[in-house]
Amino acid sequence: MSKTILIVDDSASVRQVVGITLRGAGYQVIEAADGKDALSKLDGQKINLIISDVNMPNMDGISLVKAVKVNPSYKFTPILMLTTESQESKKAEGKAAGAKAWLVKPFQPPTLLSAVTKLA
């Protein structure tokens, strides 16, 4: 059975590129447009990894990480932040919230897959 990854990004093109990369490597992919949409998809099914942007409408990535970490079903699910944010202060904020890794856009698919393999 393949692992399931939730991609959370308000950019449909980013979700598409990440999705193609992950599906090509054999992963199941669920997509969400923002943090609120992502939370609605955390409905008890097994999610092996969440990949989330930071800057999104309705609920940003850091708030999403905090919300996931208080959900008993998903508090141990690793979260990879995939974002244009590269400031150390943002990375520290993400890590403090519970994010396991940080990847800056634009990314190379092999780099993404390497991080996903380590986390999922």
PDB file of N, CA and C in Angstrom:
ATOM      1  N   MET A   1       0.839  -1.191   0.000  1.00  0.00           N
ATOM      2  CA  MET A   1       0.000   0.000   0.000  1.00  0.00           C
ATOM      3  C   MET A   1       0.877   1.245   0.000  1.00  0.00           C
ATOM      4  N   SER A   2       0.564   2.178  -0.880  1.00  0.00           N
ATOM      5  CA  SER A   2       1.402   3.366  -0.968  1.00  0.00           C
ATOM      6  C   SER A   2       1.056   4.362   0.137  1.00  0.00           C
ATOM      7  N   LYS A   3       1.994   5.231   0.409  1.00  0.00           N
ATOM      8  CA  LYS A   3       1.800   6.237   1.452  1.00  0.00           C
ATOM      9  C   LYS A   3       1.009   7.413   0.893  1.00  0.00           C
ATOM     10  N   THR A   4       0.268   8.072   1.785  1.00  0.00           N
ATOM     11  CA  THR A   4      -0.583   9.189   1.383  1.00  0.00           C
ATOM     12  C   THR A   4       0.007  10.504   1.885  1.00  0.00           C
ATOM     13  N   ILE A   5       0.075  11.470   0.981  1.00  0.00           N
ATOM     14  CA  ILE A   5       0.627  12.777   1.311  1.00  0.00           C
ATOM     15  C   ILE A   5      -0.414  13.851   1.015  1.00  0.00           C
ATOM     16  N   LEU A   6      -0.601  14.749   1.964  1.00  0.00           N
ATOM     17  CA  LEU A   6      -1.514  15.880   1.810  1.00  0.00           C
ATOM     18  C   LEU A   6      -0.690  17.101   1.401  1.00  0.00           C
ATOM     19  N   ILE A   7      -1.016  17.672   0.234  1.00  0.00           N
ATOM     20  CA  ILE A   7      -0.344  18.879  -0.251  1.00  0.00           C
ATOM     21  C   ILE A   7      -1.271  20.057   0.024  1.00  0.00           C
ATOM     22  N   VAL A   8      -0.746  21.072   0.707  1.00  0.00           N
ATOM     23  CA  VAL A   8      -1.551  22.245   1.040  1.00  0.00           C
ATOM     24  C   VAL A   8      -0.871  23.487   0.460  1.00  0.00           C
ATOM     25  N   ASP A   9      -1.487  24.085  -0.557  1.00  0.00           N
ATOM     26  CA  ASP A   9      -0.923  25.280  -1.184  1.00  0.00           C
ATOM     27  C   ASP A   9      -2.042  26.010  -1.903  1.00  0.00           C
ATOM     28  N   ASP A  10      -2.062  27.343  -1.788  1.00  0.00           N
ATOM     29  CA  ASP A  10      -3.112  28.097  -2.461  1.00  0.00           C
ATOM     30  C   ASP A  10      -2.848  28.224  -3.962  1.00  0.00           C
ATOM     31  N   SER A  11      -1.666  27.854  -4.414  1.00  0.00           N
ATOM     32  CA  SER A  11      -1.331  27.893  -5.836  1.00  0.00           C
ATOM     33  C   SER A  11      -1.631  26.535  -6.475  1.00  0.00           C
ATOM     34  N   ALA A  12      -2.605  26.531  -7.390  1.00  0.00           N
ATOM     35  CA  ALA A  12      -2.969  25.281  -8.066  1.00  0.00           C
ATOM     36  C   ALA A  12      -1.786  24.730  -8.854  1.00  0.00           C
ATOM     37  N   SER A  13      -0.967  25.613  -9.434  1.00  0.00           N
ATOM     38  CA  SER A  13       0.171  25.136 -10.224  1.00  0.00           C
ATOM     39  C   SER A  13       1.215  24.458  -9.339  1.00  0.00           C
ATOM     40  N   VAL A  14       1.425  24.979  -8.133  1.00  0.00           N
ATOM     41  CA  VAL A  14       2.369  24.338  -7.213  1.00  0.00           C
ATOM     42  C   VAL A  14       1.822  22.982  -6.787  1.00  0.00           C
ATOM     43  N   ARG A  15       0.527  22.928  -6.443  1.00  0.00           N
ATOM     44  CA  ARG A  15      -0.078  21.641  -6.078  1.00  0.00           C
ATOM     45  C   ARG A  15       0.073  20.635  -7.217  1.00  0.00           C
ATOM     46  N   GLN A  16      -0.100  21.118  -8.449  1.00  0.00           N
ATOM     47  CA  GLN A  16       0.001  20.244  -9.610  1.00  0.00           C
ATOM     48  C   GLN A  16       1.422  19.693  -9.767  1.00  0.00           C
ATOM     49  N   VAL A  17       2.432  20.568  -9.686  1.00  0.00           N
ATOM     50  CA  VAL A  17       3.827  20.139  -9.848  1.00  0.00           C
ATOM     51  C   VAL A  17       4.229  19.167  -8.738  1.00  0.00           C
ATOM     52  N   VAL A  18       3.882  19.511  -7.498  1.00  0.00           N
ATOM     53  CA  VAL A  18       4.213  18.630  -6.368  1.00  0.00           C
ATOM     54  C   VAL A  18       3.461  17.305  -6.525  1.00  0.00           C
ATOM     55  N   GLY A  19       2.199  17.383  -6.896  1.00  0.00           N
ATOM     56  CA  GLY A  19       1.389  16.174  -7.073  1.00  0.00           C
ATOM     57  C   GLY A  19       1.944  15.249  -8.139  1.00  0.00           C
ATOM     58  N   ILE A  20       2.335  15.816  -9.275  1.00  0.00           N
ATOM     59  CA  ILE A  20       2.909  15.008 -10.366  1.00  0.00           C
ATOM     60  C   ILE A  20       4.191  14.336  -9.891  1.00  0.00           C
ATOM     61  N   THR A  21       5.025  15.096  -9.187  1.00  0.00           N
ATOM     62  CA  THR A  21       6.291  14.555  -8.672  1.00  0.00           C
ATOM     63  C   THR A  21       6.034  13.387  -7.729  1.00  0.00           C
ATOM     64  N   LEU A  22       5.106  13.581  -6.792  1.00  0.00           N
ATOM     65  CA  LEU A  22       4.825  12.543  -5.790  1.00  0.00           C
ATOM     66  C   LEU A  22       4.125  11.331  -6.395  1.00  0.00           C
ATOM     67  N   ARG A  23       3.134  11.578  -7.257  1.00  0.00           N
ATOM     68  CA  ARG A  23       2.423  10.450  -7.883  1.00  0.00           C
ATOM     69  C   ARG A  23       3.385   9.624  -8.733  1.00  0.00           C
ATOM     70  N   GLY A  24       4.316  10.331  -9.402  1.00  0.00           N
ATOM     71  CA  GLY A  24       5.311   9.640 -10.219  1.00  0.00           C
ATOM     72  C   GLY A  24       6.200   8.734  -9.389  1.00  0.00           C
ATOM     73  N   ALA A  25       6.348   9.055  -8.100  1.00  0.00           N
ATOM     74  CA  ALA A  25       7.169   8.243  -7.192  1.00  0.00           C
ATOM     75  C   ALA A  25       6.328   7.206  -6.455  1.00  0.00           C
ATOM     76  N   GLY A  26       5.026   7.115  -6.800  1.00  0.00           N
ATOM     77  CA  GLY A  26       4.184   6.073  -6.233  1.00  0.00           C
ATOM     78  C   GLY A  26       3.363   6.457  -5.018  1.00  0.00           C
ATOM     79  N   TYR A  27       3.330   7.750  -4.684  1.00  0.00           N
ATOM     80  CA  TYR A  27       2.548   8.190  -3.519  1.00  0.00           C
ATOM     81  C   TYR A  27       1.114   8.493  -3.912  1.00  0.00           C
ATOM     82  N   GLN A  28       0.197   8.315  -2.940  1.00  0.00           N
ATOM     83  CA  GLN A  28      -1.179   8.791  -3.084  1.00  0.00           C
ATOM     84  C   GLN A  28      -1.159  10.258  -2.674  1.00  0.00           C
ATOM     85  N   VAL A  29      -1.914  11.105  -3.358  1.00  0.00           N
ATOM     86  CA  VAL A  29      -1.876  12.537  -3.070  1.00  0.00           C
ATOM     87  C   VAL A  29      -3.287  13.072  -2.836  1.00  0.00           C
ATOM     88  N   ILE A  30      -3.413  13.858  -1.782  1.00  0.00           N
ATOM     89  CA  ILE A  30      -4.643  14.597  -1.500  1.00  0.00           C
ATOM     90  C   ILE A  30      -4.254  16.070  -1.562  1.00  0.00           C
ATOM     91  N   GLU A  31      -5.087  16.902  -2.176  1.00  0.00           N
ATOM     92  CA  GLU A  31      -4.758  18.317  -2.295  1.00  0.00           C
ATOM     93  C   GLU A  31      -5.728  19.181  -1.514  1.00  0.00           C
ATOM     94  N   ALA A  32      -5.186  20.271  -0.945  1.00  0.00           N
ATOM     95  CA  ALA A  32      -6.008  21.246  -0.232  1.00  0.00           C
ATOM     96  C   ALA A  32      -5.523  22.641  -0.614  1.00  0.00           C
ATOM     97  N   ALA A  33      -6.461  23.598  -0.712  1.00  0.00           N
ATOM     98  CA  ALA A  33      -6.136  24.943  -1.186  1.00  0.00           C
ATOM     99  C   ALA A  33      -5.622  25.878  -0.090  1.00  0.00           C
ATOM    100  N   ASP A  34      -5.891  25.545   1.180  1.00  0.00           N
ATOM    101  CA  ASP A  34      -5.396  26.355   2.294  1.00  0.00           C
ATOM    102  C   ASP A  34      -5.528  25.546   3.581  1.00  0.00           C
ATOM    103  N   GLY A  35      -5.136  26.144   4.685  1.00  0.00           N
ATOM    104  CA  GLY A  35      -5.153  25.425   5.948  1.00  0.00           C
ATOM    105  C   GLY A  35      -6.523  24.915   6.351  1.00  0.00           C
ATOM    106  N   LYS A  36      -7.554  25.742   6.169  1.00  0.00           N
ATOM    107  CA  LYS A  36      -8.913  25.309   6.546  1.00  0.00           C
ATOM    108  C   LYS A  36      -9.354  24.118   5.701  1.00  0.00           C
ATOM    109  N   ASP A  37      -9.062  24.188   4.413  1.00  0.00           N
ATOM    110  CA  ASP A  37      -9.397  23.088   3.499  1.00  0.00           C
ATOM    111  C   ASP A  37      -8.651  21.824   3.932  1.00  0.00           C
ATOM    112  N   ALA A  38      -7.382  21.986   4.307  1.00  0.00           N
ATOM    113  CA  ALA A  38      -6.571  20.843   4.749  1.00  0.00           C
ATOM    114  C   ALA A  38      -7.172  20.195   5.994  1.00  0.00           C
ATOM    115  N   LEU A  39      -7.563  21.010   6.965  1.00  0.00           N
ATOM    116  CA  LEU A  39      -8.141  20.467   8.202  1.00  0.00           C
ATOM    117  C   LEU A  39      -9.409  19.679   7.913  1.00  0.00           C
ATOM    118  N   SER A  40     -10.189  20.135   6.926  1.00  0.00           N
ATOM    119  CA  SER A  40     -11.431  19.428   6.586  1.00  0.00           C
ATOM    120  C   SER A  40     -11.132  18.058   5.979  1.00  0.00           C
ATOM    121  N   LYS A  41      -9.915  17.875   5.457  1.00  0.00           N
ATOM    122  CA  LYS A  41      -9.548  16.597   4.840  1.00  0.00           C
ATOM    123  C   LYS A  41      -8.872  15.643   5.829  1.00  0.00           C
ATOM    124  N   LEU A  42      -8.581  16.146   7.022  1.00  0.00           N
ATOM    125  CA  LEU A  42      -8.020  15.285   8.068  1.00  0.00           C
ATOM    126  C   LEU A  42      -9.191  14.643   8.807  1.00  0.00           C
ATOM    127  N   ASP A  43      -9.785  13.652   8.164  1.00  0.00           N
ATOM    128  CA  ASP A  43     -11.035  13.074   8.652  1.00  0.00           C
ATOM    129  C   ASP A  43     -10.866  11.653   9.190  1.00  0.00           C
ATOM    130  N   GLY A  44      -9.660  11.353   9.649  1.00  0.00           N
ATOM    131  CA  GLY A  44      -9.449  10.026  10.220  1.00  0.00           C
ATOM    132  C   GLY A  44      -8.647   9.109   9.325  1.00  0.00           C
ATOM    133  N   GLN A  45      -8.551   9.441   8.034  1.00  0.00           N
ATOM    134  CA  GLN A  45      -7.747   8.593   7.153  1.00  0.00           C
ATOM    135  C   GLN A  45      -6.267   8.760   7.472  1.00  0.00           C
ATOM    136  N   LYS A  46      -5.492   7.752   7.144  1.00  0.00           N
ATOM    137  CA  LYS A  46      -4.054   7.781   7.433  1.00  0.00           C
ATOM    138  C   LYS A  46      -3.367   8.731   6.458  1.00  0.00           C
ATOM    139  N   ILE A  47      -2.679   9.724   7.006  1.00  0.00           N
ATOM    140  CA  ILE A  47      -1.863  10.643   6.212  1.00  0.00           C
ATOM    141  C   ILE A  47      -0.427  10.439   6.704  1.00  0.00           C
ATOM    142  N   ASN A  48       0.485  10.127   5.795  1.00  0.00           N
ATOM    143  CA  ASN A  48       1.868   9.851   6.185  1.00  0.00           C
ATOM    144  C   ASN A  48       2.723  11.108   6.266  1.00  0.00           C
ATOM    145  N   LEU A  49       2.323  12.150   5.523  1.00  0.00           N
ATOM    146  CA  LEU A  49       3.092  13.393   5.488  1.00  0.00           C
ATOM    147  C   LEU A  49       2.193  14.518   5.007  1.00  0.00           C
ATOM    148  N   ILE A  50       2.413  15.707   5.571  1.00  0.00           N
ATOM    149  CA  ILE A  50       1.731  16.913   5.089  1.00  0.00           C
ATOM    150  C   ILE A  50       2.807  17.841   4.537  1.00  0.00           C
ATOM    151  N   ILE A  51       2.587  18.322   3.316  1.00  0.00           N
ATOM    152  CA  ILE A  51       3.480  19.318   2.715  1.00  0.00           C
ATOM    153  C   ILE A  51       2.658  20.590   2.597  1.00  0.00           C
ATOM    154  N   SER A  52       3.111  21.659   3.258  1.00  0.00           N
ATOM    155  CA  SER A  52       2.298  22.878   3.307  1.00  0.00           C
ATOM    156  C   SER A  52       3.094  24.131   2.976  1.00  0.00           C
ATOM    157  N   ASP A  53       2.426  25.042   2.276  1.00  0.00           N
ATOM    158  CA  ASP A  53       2.942  26.384   2.052  1.00  0.00           C
ATOM    159  C   ASP A  53       2.788  27.148   3.369  1.00  0.00           C
ATOM    160  N   VAL A  54       3.450  28.291   3.478  1.00  0.00           N
ATOM    161  CA  VAL A  54       3.282  29.133   4.667  1.00  0.00           C
ATOM    162  C   VAL A  54       2.243  30.208   4.410  1.00  0.00           C
ATOM    163  N   ASN A  55       2.395  30.950   3.324  1.00  0.00           N
ATOM    164  CA  ASN A  55       1.512  32.084   3.042  1.00  0.00           C
ATOM    165  C   ASN A  55       0.301  31.647   2.222  1.00  0.00           C
ATOM    166  N   MET A  56      -0.858  31.582   2.902  1.00  0.00           N
ATOM    167  CA  MET A  56      -2.107  31.197   2.241  1.00  0.00           C
ATOM    168  C   MET A  56      -3.261  31.977   2.858  1.00  0.00           C
ATOM    169  N   PRO A  57      -4.336  32.167   2.085  1.00  0.00           N
ATOM    170  CA  PRO A  57      -5.524  32.825   2.655  1.00  0.00           C
ATOM    171  C   PRO A  57      -6.253  31.878   3.617  1.00  0.00           C
ATOM    172  N   ASN A  58      -7.168  32.416   4.385  1.00  0.00           N
ATOM    173  CA  ASN A  58      -8.033  31.684   5.325  1.00  0.00           C
ATOM    174  C   ASN A  58      -7.289  31.100   6.532  1.00  0.00           C
ATOM    175  N   MET A  59      -6.242  30.319   6.292  1.00  0.00           N
ATOM    176  CA  MET A  59      -5.417  29.796   7.389  1.00  0.00           C
ATOM    177  C   MET A  59      -4.026  29.550   6.838  1.00  0.00           C
ATOM    178  N   ASP A  60      -3.036  30.227   7.410  1.00  0.00           N
ATOM    179  CA  ASP A  60      -1.669  30.069   6.898  1.00  0.00           C
ATOM    180  C   ASP A  60      -1.055  28.755   7.373  1.00  0.00           C
ATOM    181  N   GLY A  61       0.124  28.457   6.839  1.00  0.00           N
ATOM    182  CA  GLY A  61       0.778  27.183   7.121  1.00  0.00           C
ATOM    183  C   GLY A  61       1.181  26.990   8.573  1.00  0.00           C
ATOM    184  N   ILE A  62       1.644  28.063   9.214  1.00  0.00           N
ATOM    185  CA  ILE A  62       2.062  27.943  10.621  1.00  0.00           C
ATOM    186  C   ILE A  62       0.845  27.629  11.494  1.00  0.00           C
ATOM    187  N   SER A  63      -0.264  28.312  11.232  1.00  0.00           N
ATOM    188  CA  SER A  63      -1.500  28.039  11.982  1.00  0.00           C
ATOM    189  C   SER A  63      -1.979  26.612  11.725  1.00  0.00           C
ATOM    190  N   LEU A  64      -1.808  26.146  10.488  1.00  0.00           N
ATOM    191  CA  LEU A  64      -2.185  24.772  10.156  1.00  0.00           C
ATOM    192  C   LEU A  64      -1.348  23.781  10.966  1.00  0.00           C
ATOM    193  N   VAL A  65      -0.034  24.014  11.032  1.00  0.00           N
ATOM    194  CA  VAL A  65       0.845  23.118  11.795  1.00  0.00           C
ATOM    195  C   VAL A  65       0.368  23.040  13.239  1.00  0.00           C
ATOM    196  N   LYS A  66       0.083  24.196  13.840  1.00  0.00           N
ATOM    197  CA  LYS A  66      -0.383  24.229  15.230  1.00  0.00           C
ATOM    198  C   LYS A  66      -1.688  23.450  15.387  1.00  0.00           C
ATOM    199  N   ALA A  67      -2.611  23.621  14.434  1.00  0.00           N
ATOM    200  CA  ALA A  67      -3.904  22.940  14.503  1.00  0.00           C
ATOM    201  C   ALA A  67      -3.731  21.431  14.354  1.00  0.00           C
ATOM    202  N   VAL A  68      -2.837  21.011  13.456  1.00  0.00           N
ATOM    203  CA  VAL A  68      -2.608  19.575  13.257  1.00  0.00           C
ATOM    204  C   VAL A  68      -1.998  18.952  14.514  1.00  0.00           C
ATOM    205  N   LYS A  69      -1.081  19.662  15.139  1.00  0.00           N
ATOM    206  CA  LYS A  69      -0.359  19.117  16.288  1.00  0.00           C
ATOM    207  C   LYS A  69      -1.250  18.934  17.523  1.00  0.00           C
ATOM    208  N   VAL A  70      -2.400  19.604  17.584  1.00  0.00           N
ATOM    209  CA  VAL A  70      -3.315  19.401  18.714  1.00  0.00           C
ATOM    210  C   VAL A  70      -4.388  18.352  18.396  1.00  0.00           C
ATOM    211  N   ASN A  71      -4.388  17.839  17.162  1.00  0.00           N
ATOM    212  CA  ASN A  71      -5.333  16.796  16.765  1.00  0.00           C
ATOM    213  C   ASN A  71      -4.713  15.443  17.113  1.00  0.00           C
ATOM    214  N   PRO A  72      -5.302  14.709  18.061  1.00  0.00           N
ATOM    215  CA  PRO A  72      -4.707  13.443  18.510  1.00  0.00           C
ATOM    216  C   PRO A  72      -4.409  12.456  17.380  1.00  0.00           C
ATOM    217  N   SER A  73      -5.226  12.459  16.333  1.00  0.00           N
ATOM    218  CA  SER A  73      -5.033  11.511  15.232  1.00  0.00           C
ATOM    219  C   SER A  73      -3.835  11.863  14.354  1.00  0.00           C
ATOM    220  N   TYR A  74      -3.433  13.128  14.370  1.00  0.00           N
ATOM    221  CA  TYR A  74      -2.397  13.574  13.432  1.00  0.00           C
ATOM    222  C   TYR A  74      -1.203  14.253  14.096  1.00  0.00           C
ATOM    223  N   LYS A  75      -1.162  14.267  15.435  1.00  0.00           N
ATOM    224  CA  LYS A  75      -0.108  15.036  16.099  1.00  0.00           C
ATOM    225  C   LYS A  75       1.298  14.509  15.818  1.00  0.00           C
ATOM    226  N   PHE A  76       1.404  13.247  15.395  1.00  0.00           N
ATOM    227  CA  PHE A  76       2.729  12.701  15.071  1.00  0.00           C
ATOM    228  C   PHE A  76       2.993  12.671  13.558  1.00  0.00           C
ATOM    229  N   THR A  77       2.067  13.215  12.773  1.00  0.00           N
ATOM    230  CA  THR A  77       2.262  13.262  11.320  1.00  0.00           C
ATOM    231  C   THR A  77       3.318  14.312  10.995  1.00  0.00           C
ATOM    232  N   PRO A  78       4.390  13.936  10.286  1.00  0.00           N
ATOM    233  CA  PRO A  78       5.419  14.928   9.959  1.00  0.00           C
ATOM    234  C   PRO A  78       4.898  15.969   8.962  1.00  0.00           C
ATOM    235  N   ILE A  79       5.390  17.186   9.112  1.00  0.00           N
ATOM    236  CA  ILE A  79       4.971  18.284   8.235  1.00  0.00           C
ATOM    237  C   ILE A  79       6.208  18.926   7.620  1.00  0.00           C
ATOM    238  N   LEU A  80       6.189  19.028   6.296  1.00  0.00           N
ATOM    239  CA  LEU A  80       7.250  19.676   5.533  1.00  0.00           C
ATOM    240  C   LEU A  80       6.700  20.998   5.024  1.00  0.00           C
ATOM    241  N   MET A  81       7.370  22.086   5.341  1.00  0.00           N
ATOM    242  CA  MET A  81       6.953  23.388   4.838  1.00  0.00           C
ATOM    243  C   MET A  81       7.636  23.613   3.493  1.00  0.00           C
ATOM    244  N   LEU A  82       6.856  23.888   2.467  1.00  0.00           N
ATOM    245  CA  LEU A  82       7.360  24.156   1.124  1.00  0.00           C
ATOM    246  C   LEU A  82       6.914  25.573   0.781  1.00  0.00           C
ATOM    247  N   THR A  83       7.853  26.526   0.810  1.00  0.00           N
ATOM    248  CA  THR A  83       7.464  27.924   0.788  1.00  0.00           C
ATOM    249  C   THR A  83       8.536  28.810   0.158  1.00  0.00           C
ATOM    250  N   THR A  84       8.159  30.031  -0.161  1.00  0.00           N
ATOM    251  CA  THR A  84       9.144  31.009  -0.652  1.00  0.00           C
ATOM    252  C   THR A  84       9.856  31.680   0.528  1.00  0.00           C
ATOM    253  N   GLU A  85       9.344  31.469   1.739  1.00  0.00           N
ATOM    254  CA  GLU A  85       9.930  32.087   2.937  1.00  0.00           C
ATOM    255  C   GLU A  85      11.255  31.426   3.282  1.00  0.00           C
ATOM    256  N   SER A  86      12.319  32.224   3.367  1.00  0.00           N
ATOM    257  CA  SER A  86      13.621  31.640   3.703  1.00  0.00           C
ATOM    258  C   SER A  86      14.256  32.287   4.935  1.00  0.00           C
ATOM    259  N   GLN A  87      13.543  33.231   5.571  1.00  0.00           N
ATOM    260  CA  GLN A  87      14.097  33.890   6.760  1.00  0.00           C
ATOM    261  C   GLN A  87      14.200  32.898   7.916  1.00  0.00           C
ATOM    262  N   GLU A  88      15.292  33.007   8.643  1.00  0.00           N
ATOM    263  CA  GLU A  88      15.500  32.125   9.794  1.00  0.00           C
ATOM    264  C   GLU A  88      14.375  32.272  10.826  1.00  0.00           C
ATOM    265  N   SER A  89      13.854  33.501  10.982  1.00  0.00           N
ATOM    266  CA  SER A  89      12.792  33.723  11.977  1.00  0.00           C
ATOM    267  C   SER A  89      11.534  32.922  11.610  1.00  0.00           C
ATOM    268  N   LYS A  90      11.207  32.877  10.310  1.00  0.00           N
ATOM    269  CA  LYS A  90      10.042  32.098   9.870  1.00  0.00           C
ATOM    270  C   LYS A  90      10.292  30.607  10.077  1.00  0.00           C
ATOM    271  N   LYS A  91      11.511  30.165   9.752  1.00  0.00           N
ATOM    272  CA  LYS A  91      11.857  28.751   9.932  1.00  0.00           C
ATOM    273  C   LYS A  91      11.745  28.372  11.403  1.00  0.00           C
ATOM    274  N   ALA A  92      12.237  29.256  12.273  1.00  0.00           N
ATOM    275  CA  ALA A  92      12.178  28.998  13.713  1.00  0.00           C
ATOM    276  C   ALA A  92      10.721  28.932  14.182  1.00  0.00           C
ATOM    277  N   GLU A  93       9.892  29.827  13.639  1.00  0.00           N
ATOM    278  CA  GLU A  93       8.468  29.836  13.991  1.00  0.00           C
ATOM    279  C   GLU A  93       7.810  28.526  13.557  1.00  0.00           C
ATOM    280  N   GLY A  94       8.152  28.066  12.358  1.00  0.00           N
ATOM    281  CA  GLY A  94       7.605  26.802  11.853  1.00  0.00           C
ATOM    282  C   GLY A  94       8.054  25.629  12.691  1.00  0.00           C
ATOM    283  N   LYS A  95       9.330  25.616  13.047  1.00  0.00           N
ATOM    284  CA  LYS A  95       9.876  24.515  13.852  1.00  0.00           C
ATOM    285  C   LYS A  95       9.229  24.507  15.233  1.00  0.00           C
ATOM    286  N   ALA A  96       9.069  25.693  15.816  1.00  0.00           N
ATOM    287  CA  ALA A  96       8.435  25.805  17.133  1.00  0.00           C
ATOM    288  C   ALA A  96       6.997  25.290  17.087  1.00  0.00           C
ATOM    289  N   ALA A  97       6.317  25.512  15.956  1.00  0.00           N
ATOM    290  CA  ALA A  97       4.929  25.054  15.815  1.00  0.00           C
ATOM    291  C   ALA A  97       4.861  23.543  15.633  1.00  0.00           C
ATOM    292  N   GLY A  98       5.955  22.944  15.136  1.00  0.00           N
ATOM    293  CA  GLY A  98       5.965  21.492  14.969  1.00  0.00           C
ATOM    294  C   GLY A  98       6.365  20.999  13.590  1.00  0.00           C
ATOM    295  N   ALA A  99       6.741  21.910  12.682  1.00  0.00           N
ATOM    296  CA  ALA A  99       7.178  21.482  11.341  1.00  0.00           C
ATOM    297  C   ALA A  99       8.504  20.734  11.455  1.00  0.00           C
ATOM    298  N   LYS A 100       8.647  19.647  10.705  1.00  0.00           N
ATOM    299  CA  LYS A 100       9.845  18.812  10.770  1.00  0.00           C
ATOM    300  C   LYS A 100      10.920  19.262   9.782  1.00  0.00           C
ATOM    301  N   ALA A 101      10.518  19.874   8.652  1.00  0.00           N
ATOM    302  CA  ALA A 101      11.491  20.254   7.633  1.00  0.00           C
ATOM    303  C   ALA A 101      10.999  21.480   6.880  1.00  0.00           C
ATOM    304  N   TRP A 102      11.931  22.134   6.183  1.00  0.00           N
ATOM    305  CA  TRP A 102      11.644  23.387   5.483  1.00  0.00           C
ATOM    306  C   TRP A 102      12.327  23.333   4.133  1.00  0.00           C
ATOM    307  N   LEU A 103      11.575  23.501   3.061  1.00  0.00           N
ATOM    308  CA  LEU A 103      12.123  23.495   1.714  1.00  0.00           C
ATOM    309  C   LEU A 103      11.673  24.788   1.036  1.00  0.00           C
ATOM    310  N   VAL A 104      12.636  25.497   0.436  1.00  0.00           N
ATOM    311  CA  VAL A 104      12.322  26.791  -0.168  1.00  0.00           C
ATOM    312  C   VAL A 104      12.028  26.622  -1.661  1.00  0.00           C
ATOM    313  N   LYS A 105      10.939  27.296  -2.115  1.00  0.00           N
ATOM    314  CA  LYS A 105      10.584  27.323  -3.534  1.00  0.00           C
ATOM    315  C   LYS A 105      11.478  28.345  -4.224  1.00  0.00           C
ATOM    316  N   PRO A 106      11.793  28.193  -5.491  1.00  0.00           N
ATOM    317  CA  PRO A 106      11.468  27.022  -6.308  1.00  0.00           C
ATOM    318  C   PRO A 106      12.329  25.839  -5.889  1.00  0.00           C
ATOM    319  N   PHE A 107      11.799  24.648  -6.069  1.00  0.00           N
ATOM    320  CA  PHE A 107      12.501  23.443  -5.635  1.00  0.00           C
ATOM    321  C   PHE A 107      12.756  22.542  -6.837  1.00  0.00           C
ATOM    322  N   GLN A 108      13.714  21.656  -6.686  1.00  0.00           N
ATOM    323  CA  GLN A 108      13.968  20.630  -7.700  1.00  0.00           C
ATOM    324  C   GLN A 108      13.240  19.361  -7.257  1.00  0.00           C
ATOM    325  N   PRO A 109      12.506  18.702  -8.155  1.00  0.00           N
ATOM    326  CA  PRO A 109      11.789  17.483  -7.762  1.00  0.00           C
ATOM    327  C   PRO A 109      12.652  16.452  -7.018  1.00  0.00           C
ATOM    328  N   PRO A 110      13.911  16.194  -7.439  1.00  0.00           N
ATOM    329  CA  PRO A 110      14.707  15.207  -6.673  1.00  0.00           C
ATOM    330  C   PRO A 110      14.938  15.633  -5.216  1.00  0.00           C
ATOM    331  N   THR A 111      15.077  16.948  -4.986  1.00  0.00           N
ATOM    332  CA  THR A 111      15.260  17.456  -3.621  1.00  0.00           C
ATOM    333  C   THR A 111      13.999  17.216  -2.801  1.00  0.00           C
ATOM    334  N   LEU A 112      12.849  17.486  -3.406  1.00  0.00           N
ATOM    335  CA  LEU A 112      11.570  17.249  -2.729  1.00  0.00           C
ATOM    336  C   LEU A 112      11.414  15.765  -2.401  1.00  0.00           C
ATOM    337  N   LEU A 113      11.673  14.908  -3.368  1.00  0.00           N
ATOM    338  CA  LEU A 113      11.505  13.466  -3.142  1.00  0.00           C
ATOM    339  C   LEU A 113      12.457  12.948  -2.085  1.00  0.00           C
ATOM    340  N   SER A 114      13.658  13.504  -2.035  1.00  0.00           N
ATOM    341  CA  SER A 114      14.617  13.103  -1.014  1.00  0.00           C
ATOM    342  C   SER A 114      14.081  13.432   0.374  1.00  0.00           C
ATOM    343  N   ALA A 115      13.540  14.656   0.531  1.00  0.00           N
ATOM    344  CA  ALA A 115      12.963  15.061   1.819  1.00  0.00           C
ATOM    345  C   ALA A 115      11.745  14.210   2.170  1.00  0.00           C
ATOM    346  N   VAL A 116      10.894  13.950   1.185  1.00  0.00           N
ATOM    347  CA  VAL A 116       9.686  13.149   1.415  1.00  0.00           C
ATOM    348  C   VAL A 116      10.049  11.732   1.840  1.00  0.00           C
ATOM    349  N   THR A 117      11.057  11.151   1.201  1.00  0.00           N
ATOM    350  CA  THR A 117      11.491   9.796   1.535  1.00  0.00           C
ATOM    351  C   THR A 117      11.951   9.709   2.977  1.00  0.00           C
ATOM    352  N   LYS A 118      12.634  10.752   3.450  1.00  0.00           N
ATOM    353  CA  LYS A 118      13.124  10.760   4.825  1.00  0.00           C
ATOM    354  C   LYS A 118      11.990  10.920   5.844  1.00  0.00           C
ATOM    355  N   LEU A 119      10.947  11.652   5.458  1.00  0.00           N
ATOM    356  CA  LEU A 119       9.891  11.999   6.397  1.00  0.00           C
ATOM    357  C   LEU A 119       8.675  11.065   6.391  1.00  0.00           C
ATOM    358  N   ALA A 120       8.290  10.606   5.222  1.00  0.00           N
ATOM    359  CA  ALA A 120       7.029   9.850   5.098  1.00  0.00           C
ATOM    360  C   ALA A 120       7.178   8.405   5.537  1.00  0.00           C
TER     361      ALA A 120
END
